[in-house]
């Protein structure tokens, strides 16, 4: 179950990259998911991919044998919210390149804190 949050954030890295390239991909007749969905729906997908991992990561604590340490990844939520705001308000390459790098950093921080939570829950 905990692979879902990790996978969603990893896939969000690809979504930022595709969002940045929507205009050039459209001109080149590339049919990426971002081109097919359009900018607004791609932004919504990105937001969902960054927000869904938080409640899902808590489920083994809320429904199972693990302890509240699984809430440690919540410390990264402010970064996720800032990234969602960047994608919602920017279309320029430099801003989206920064969001791409920071989404990778979010992935790392989330995974380290989730791993720590799992180890501390044993």
N, C-alpha and C. Protein backbone atom coordinates (compact mmCIF):
# COMPACT_ATOMS: atom_id res chain seq x y z
N UNK A 1 0.82 -1.19 0.00
CA UNK A 1 0.00 0.00 0.00
C UNK A 1 0.87 1.26 0.00
N UNK A 2 2.00 1.22 0.65
CA UNK A 2 2.84 2.42 0.73
C UNK A 2 3.61 2.70 -0.55
N UNK A 3 3.54 1.79 -1.50
CA UNK A 3 4.16 2.09 -2.79
C UNK A 3 3.32 3.08 -3.59
N UNK A 4 2.04 3.19 -3.30
CA UNK A 4 1.17 4.12 -4.01
C UNK A 4 1.60 5.57 -3.81
N UNK A 5 1.80 6.04 -2.57
CA UNK A 5 2.23 7.42 -2.42
C UNK A 5 3.58 7.70 -3.07
N UNK A 6 4.50 6.77 -2.93
CA UNK A 6 5.83 6.94 -3.51
C UNK A 6 5.73 7.01 -5.04
N UNK A 7 4.94 6.13 -5.62
CA UNK A 7 4.78 6.10 -7.07
C UNK A 7 4.07 7.33 -7.61
N UNK A 8 3.10 7.83 -6.88
CA UNK A 8 2.39 9.03 -7.34
C UNK A 8 3.32 10.24 -7.41
N UNK A 9 4.15 10.41 -6.40
CA UNK A 9 5.06 11.55 -6.43
C UNK A 9 6.12 11.36 -7.52
N UNK A 10 6.57 10.14 -7.71
CA UNK A 10 7.54 9.88 -8.79
C UNK A 10 6.92 10.20 -10.15
N UNK A 11 5.68 9.82 -10.34
CA UNK A 11 5.00 10.11 -11.61
C UNK A 11 4.76 11.61 -11.76
N UNK A 12 4.59 12.32 -10.65
CA UNK A 12 4.39 13.77 -10.71
C UNK A 12 5.62 14.47 -11.29
N UNK A 13 6.79 13.90 -11.10
CA UNK A 13 8.01 14.46 -11.71
C UNK A 13 7.85 14.46 -13.23
N UNK A 14 7.35 13.38 -13.76
CA UNK A 14 7.14 13.29 -15.21
C UNK A 14 6.05 14.25 -15.67
N UNK A 15 5.04 14.44 -14.86
CA UNK A 15 3.95 15.35 -15.22
C UNK A 15 4.45 16.78 -15.31
N UNK A 16 5.31 17.20 -14.38
CA UNK A 16 5.88 18.56 -14.47
C UNK A 16 6.65 18.70 -15.77
N UNK A 17 7.44 17.72 -16.11
CA UNK A 17 8.22 17.77 -17.33
C UNK A 17 7.30 17.89 -18.55
N UNK A 18 6.25 17.09 -18.58
CA UNK A 18 5.32 17.14 -19.71
C UNK A 18 4.53 18.44 -19.73
N UNK A 19 4.21 18.99 -18.57
CA UNK A 19 3.50 20.27 -18.51
C UNK A 19 4.37 21.37 -19.10
N UNK A 20 5.63 21.37 -18.75
CA UNK A 20 6.56 22.37 -19.28
C UNK A 20 6.61 22.31 -20.80
N UNK A 21 6.50 21.10 -21.36
CA UNK A 21 6.68 20.90 -22.79
C UNK A 21 5.38 20.88 -23.60
N UNK A 22 4.25 21.21 -22.99
CA UNK A 22 2.96 21.11 -23.69
C UNK A 22 2.97 21.86 -25.02
N UNK A 23 3.40 23.10 -25.02
CA UNK A 23 3.33 23.90 -26.25
C UNK A 23 4.23 23.35 -27.35
N UNK A 24 5.46 23.00 -27.01
CA UNK A 24 6.36 22.46 -28.03
C UNK A 24 5.92 21.07 -28.49
N UNK A 25 5.41 20.27 -27.57
CA UNK A 25 4.92 18.94 -27.95
C UNK A 25 3.70 19.05 -28.87
N UNK A 26 2.83 20.00 -28.58
CA UNK A 26 1.65 20.19 -29.43
C UNK A 26 2.07 20.59 -30.85
N UNK A 27 3.03 21.51 -30.93
CA UNK A 27 3.51 21.95 -32.25
C UNK A 27 4.19 20.81 -33.02
N UNK A 28 4.82 19.90 -32.29
CA UNK A 28 5.52 18.77 -32.92
C UNK A 28 4.58 17.56 -33.12
N UNK A 29 3.30 17.75 -32.84
CA UNK A 29 2.30 16.68 -32.95
C UNK A 29 2.57 15.49 -32.05
N UNK A 30 3.25 15.74 -30.92
CA UNK A 30 3.42 14.69 -29.92
C UNK A 30 2.14 14.62 -29.11
N UNK A 31 1.68 13.43 -28.84
CA UNK A 31 0.41 13.24 -28.15
C UNK A 31 0.64 12.75 -26.72
N UNK A 32 1.39 13.51 -25.95
CA UNK A 32 1.61 13.14 -24.56
C UNK A 32 0.29 13.27 -23.79
N UNK A 33 0.24 12.69 -22.63
CA UNK A 33 -0.96 12.80 -21.81
C UNK A 33 -1.26 14.27 -21.50
N UNK A 34 -0.23 15.05 -21.24
CA UNK A 34 -0.44 16.47 -20.95
C UNK A 34 -1.03 17.20 -22.15
N UNK A 35 -0.60 16.88 -23.34
CA UNK A 35 -1.16 17.49 -24.54
C UNK A 35 -2.62 17.08 -24.69
N UNK A 36 -2.91 15.83 -24.47
CA UNK A 36 -4.28 15.33 -24.61
C UNK A 36 -5.21 15.92 -23.55
N UNK A 37 -4.73 16.03 -22.32
CA UNK A 37 -5.57 16.57 -21.25
C UNK A 37 -5.71 18.09 -21.31
N UNK A 38 -4.67 18.75 -21.79
CA UNK A 38 -4.65 20.21 -21.75
C UNK A 38 -4.01 20.68 -20.46
N UNK A 39 -3.63 21.94 -20.45
CA UNK A 39 -2.90 22.49 -19.32
C UNK A 39 -3.69 22.45 -18.00
N UNK A 40 -4.96 22.83 -18.04
CA UNK A 40 -5.73 22.90 -16.79
C UNK A 40 -5.94 21.52 -16.15
N UNK A 41 -6.32 20.54 -16.94
CA UNK A 41 -6.54 19.21 -16.37
C UNK A 41 -5.23 18.56 -15.95
N UNK A 42 -4.14 18.89 -16.66
CA UNK A 42 -2.83 18.38 -16.25
C UNK A 42 -2.44 18.98 -14.90
N UNK A 43 -2.74 20.24 -14.71
CA UNK A 43 -2.46 20.87 -13.40
C UNK A 43 -3.26 20.19 -12.29
N UNK A 44 -4.51 19.86 -12.57
CA UNK A 44 -5.33 19.16 -11.57
C UNK A 44 -4.77 17.77 -11.27
N UNK A 45 -4.32 17.10 -12.31
CA UNK A 45 -3.73 15.77 -12.12
C UNK A 45 -2.47 15.88 -11.26
N UNK A 46 -1.65 16.87 -11.53
CA UNK A 46 -0.43 17.08 -10.74
C UNK A 46 -0.78 17.33 -9.28
N UNK A 47 -1.76 18.20 -9.04
CA UNK A 47 -2.17 18.49 -7.66
C UNK A 47 -2.65 17.22 -6.96
N UNK A 48 -3.43 16.41 -7.66
CA UNK A 48 -3.91 15.16 -7.06
C UNK A 48 -2.74 14.22 -6.76
N UNK A 49 -1.78 14.18 -7.67
CA UNK A 49 -0.63 13.29 -7.47
C UNK A 49 0.23 13.72 -6.30
N UNK A 50 0.20 14.99 -5.95
CA UNK A 50 0.97 15.46 -4.80
C UNK A 50 0.16 15.42 -3.51
N UNK A 51 -1.15 15.46 -3.57
CA UNK A 51 -1.96 15.50 -2.35
C UNK A 51 -2.43 14.12 -1.89
N UNK A 52 -2.75 13.24 -2.80
CA UNK A 52 -3.25 11.91 -2.44
C UNK A 52 -2.25 11.10 -1.60
N UNK A 53 -0.93 11.23 -1.83
CA UNK A 53 0.01 10.42 -1.04
C UNK A 53 -0.09 10.63 0.48
N UNK A 54 -0.50 11.80 0.92
CA UNK A 54 -0.50 12.07 2.36
C UNK A 54 -1.56 11.23 3.10
N UNK A 55 -2.82 11.26 2.70
CA UNK A 55 -3.77 10.40 3.42
C UNK A 55 -3.50 8.90 3.21
N UNK A 56 -3.03 8.53 2.02
CA UNK A 56 -2.75 7.11 1.76
C UNK A 56 -1.62 6.62 2.66
N UNK A 57 -0.60 7.45 2.87
CA UNK A 57 0.52 7.05 3.74
C UNK A 57 0.08 6.84 5.18
N UNK A 58 -0.99 7.51 5.59
CA UNK A 58 -1.48 7.37 6.96
C UNK A 58 -2.34 6.13 7.18
N UNK A 59 -2.84 5.53 6.11
CA UNK A 59 -3.77 4.41 6.26
C UNK A 59 -3.22 3.24 7.07
N UNK A 60 -1.96 2.82 6.88
CA UNK A 60 -1.49 1.70 7.70
C UNK A 60 -1.46 2.02 9.20
N UNK A 61 -1.37 3.27 9.54
CA UNK A 61 -1.45 3.66 10.95
C UNK A 61 -2.91 3.69 11.39
N UNK A 62 -3.76 4.33 10.59
CA UNK A 62 -5.16 4.48 10.98
C UNK A 62 -5.93 3.17 10.96
N UNK A 63 -5.57 2.27 10.06
CA UNK A 63 -6.32 1.02 9.90
C UNK A 63 -5.55 -0.22 10.32
N UNK A 64 -4.29 -0.05 10.66
CA UNK A 64 -3.50 -1.25 10.89
C UNK A 64 -2.60 -1.17 12.09
N UNK A 65 -1.56 -1.97 12.05
CA UNK A 65 -0.73 -2.17 13.22
C UNK A 65 0.37 -1.12 13.42
N UNK A 66 0.61 -0.25 12.44
CA UNK A 66 1.72 0.69 12.56
C UNK A 66 1.33 1.90 13.39
N UNK A 67 2.34 2.68 13.79
CA UNK A 67 2.09 3.77 14.73
C UNK A 67 2.12 5.14 14.03
N UNK A 68 1.88 6.17 14.82
CA UNK A 68 1.72 7.53 14.31
C UNK A 68 2.98 8.09 13.65
N UNK A 69 4.08 7.38 13.75
CA UNK A 69 5.30 7.84 13.07
C UNK A 69 5.09 7.96 11.57
N UNK A 70 4.10 7.25 11.05
CA UNK A 70 3.82 7.33 9.61
C UNK A 70 3.34 8.72 9.20
N UNK A 71 3.06 9.57 10.16
CA UNK A 71 2.66 10.95 9.85
C UNK A 71 3.87 11.84 9.54
N UNK A 72 5.07 11.35 9.71
CA UNK A 72 6.26 12.17 9.43
C UNK A 72 6.28 12.81 8.04
N UNK A 73 5.83 12.12 6.98
CA UNK A 73 5.84 12.76 5.67
C UNK A 73 4.98 14.03 5.58
N UNK A 74 4.06 14.20 6.52
CA UNK A 74 3.25 15.43 6.53
C UNK A 74 4.12 16.68 6.64
N UNK A 75 5.34 16.53 7.12
CA UNK A 75 6.26 17.67 7.19
C UNK A 75 6.58 18.23 5.81
N UNK A 76 6.39 17.43 4.77
CA UNK A 76 6.68 17.90 3.41
C UNK A 76 5.46 18.53 2.74
N UNK A 77 4.33 18.53 3.39
CA UNK A 77 3.11 19.06 2.78
C UNK A 77 3.24 20.53 2.35
N UNK A 78 3.88 21.40 3.14
CA UNK A 78 4.03 22.79 2.67
C UNK A 78 4.77 22.90 1.33
N UNK A 79 5.78 22.07 1.13
CA UNK A 79 6.49 22.08 -0.15
C UNK A 79 5.56 21.64 -1.27
N UNK A 80 4.77 20.60 -1.03
CA UNK A 80 3.83 20.13 -2.05
C UNK A 80 2.84 21.22 -2.42
N UNK A 81 2.34 21.95 -1.43
CA UNK A 81 1.38 23.03 -1.70
C UNK A 81 2.02 24.16 -2.49
N UNK A 82 3.27 24.48 -2.20
CA UNK A 82 3.96 25.51 -2.98
C UNK A 82 4.16 25.07 -4.43
N UNK A 83 4.48 23.80 -4.63
CA UNK A 83 4.67 23.28 -5.98
C UNK A 83 3.37 23.32 -6.78
N UNK A 84 2.29 22.97 -6.15
CA UNK A 84 0.98 23.03 -6.81
C UNK A 84 0.69 24.47 -7.23
N UNK A 85 1.01 25.42 -6.36
CA UNK A 85 0.79 26.84 -6.69
C UNK A 85 1.65 27.28 -7.87
N UNK A 86 2.88 26.80 -7.94
CA UNK A 86 3.76 27.16 -9.06
C UNK A 86 3.17 26.65 -10.36
N UNK A 87 2.75 25.40 -10.39
CA UNK A 87 2.19 24.86 -11.63
C UNK A 87 0.88 25.55 -12.01
N UNK A 88 0.13 25.97 -11.02
CA UNK A 88 -1.15 26.63 -11.29
C UNK A 88 -0.96 28.03 -11.87
N UNK A 89 0.15 28.68 -11.52
CA UNK A 89 0.31 30.10 -11.88
C UNK A 89 1.41 30.39 -12.90
N UNK A 90 2.20 29.41 -13.27
CA UNK A 90 3.31 29.66 -14.19
C UNK A 90 3.28 28.73 -15.39
N UNK A 91 3.74 29.26 -16.52
CA UNK A 91 3.89 28.44 -17.72
C UNK A 91 5.29 28.57 -18.31
N UNK A 92 6.11 29.44 -17.73
CA UNK A 92 7.45 29.68 -18.30
C UNK A 92 8.41 28.55 -17.92
N UNK A 93 9.36 28.32 -18.81
CA UNK A 93 10.34 27.25 -18.63
C UNK A 93 11.13 27.31 -17.34
N UNK A 94 11.71 28.48 -17.00
CA UNK A 94 12.51 28.53 -15.77
C UNK A 94 11.71 28.18 -14.51
N UNK A 95 10.49 28.67 -14.41
CA UNK A 95 9.66 28.35 -13.23
C UNK A 95 9.34 26.87 -13.18
N UNK A 96 9.00 26.29 -14.33
CA UNK A 96 8.65 24.88 -14.36
C UNK A 96 9.88 23.99 -14.20
N UNK A 97 11.04 24.45 -14.66
CA UNK A 97 12.28 23.71 -14.39
C UNK A 97 12.55 23.66 -12.89
N UNK A 98 12.33 24.79 -12.22
CA UNK A 98 12.49 24.81 -10.76
C UNK A 98 11.51 23.88 -10.09
N UNK A 99 10.26 23.87 -10.57
CA UNK A 99 9.25 22.98 -10.00
C UNK A 99 9.62 21.52 -10.24
N UNK A 100 10.22 21.25 -11.38
CA UNK A 100 10.67 19.89 -11.69
C UNK A 100 11.72 19.44 -10.67
N UNK A 101 12.70 20.29 -10.43
CA UNK A 101 13.75 19.96 -9.46
C UNK A 101 13.17 19.82 -8.05
N UNK A 102 12.30 20.72 -7.68
CA UNK A 102 11.72 20.67 -6.33
C UNK A 102 10.76 19.50 -6.15
N UNK A 103 10.13 19.05 -7.23
CA UNK A 103 9.28 17.86 -7.13
C UNK A 103 10.16 16.63 -6.86
N UNK A 104 11.33 16.59 -7.47
CA UNK A 104 12.28 15.53 -7.15
C UNK A 104 12.74 15.59 -5.71
N UNK A 105 12.96 16.81 -5.21
CA UNK A 105 13.34 16.98 -3.80
C UNK A 105 12.21 16.56 -2.87
N UNK A 106 10.98 16.88 -3.27
CA UNK A 106 9.82 16.45 -2.49
C UNK A 106 9.78 14.92 -2.42
N UNK A 107 10.01 14.28 -3.55
CA UNK A 107 10.04 12.82 -3.60
C UNK A 107 11.05 12.26 -2.60
N UNK A 108 12.24 12.82 -2.61
CA UNK A 108 13.29 12.35 -1.71
C UNK A 108 12.90 12.56 -0.25
N UNK A 109 12.46 13.76 0.08
CA UNK A 109 12.10 14.07 1.47
C UNK A 109 10.94 13.21 1.95
N UNK A 110 9.92 13.07 1.11
CA UNK A 110 8.76 12.25 1.47
C UNK A 110 9.20 10.81 1.75
N UNK A 111 10.03 10.26 0.85
CA UNK A 111 10.46 8.87 1.00
C UNK A 111 11.35 8.66 2.23
N UNK A 112 12.23 9.60 2.50
CA UNK A 112 13.09 9.48 3.68
C UNK A 112 12.24 9.52 4.95
N UNK A 113 11.30 10.46 5.01
CA UNK A 113 10.45 10.55 6.20
C UNK A 113 9.50 9.35 6.33
N UNK A 114 9.00 8.87 5.21
CA UNK A 114 8.14 7.67 5.25
C UNK A 114 8.95 6.46 5.73
N UNK A 115 10.18 6.33 5.23
CA UNK A 115 11.04 5.23 5.67
C UNK A 115 11.35 5.33 7.16
N UNK A 116 11.63 6.54 7.61
CA UNK A 116 11.88 6.73 9.05
C UNK A 116 10.65 6.37 9.86
N UNK A 117 9.49 6.79 9.38
CA UNK A 117 8.23 6.45 10.07
C UNK A 117 8.00 4.96 10.14
N UNK A 118 8.32 4.26 9.06
CA UNK A 118 8.16 2.80 9.07
C UNK A 118 9.12 2.15 10.05
N UNK A 119 10.37 2.60 10.06
CA UNK A 119 11.35 2.02 10.98
C UNK A 119 10.98 2.30 12.44
N UNK A 120 10.50 3.50 12.72
CA UNK A 120 10.14 3.86 14.08
C UNK A 120 8.84 3.18 14.54
N UNK A 121 8.03 2.72 13.60
CA UNK A 121 6.76 2.07 13.94
C UNK A 121 6.91 0.61 14.32
N UNK A 122 8.06 0.07 14.14
CA UNK A 122 8.26 -1.37 14.43
C UNK A 122 8.50 -1.61 15.88
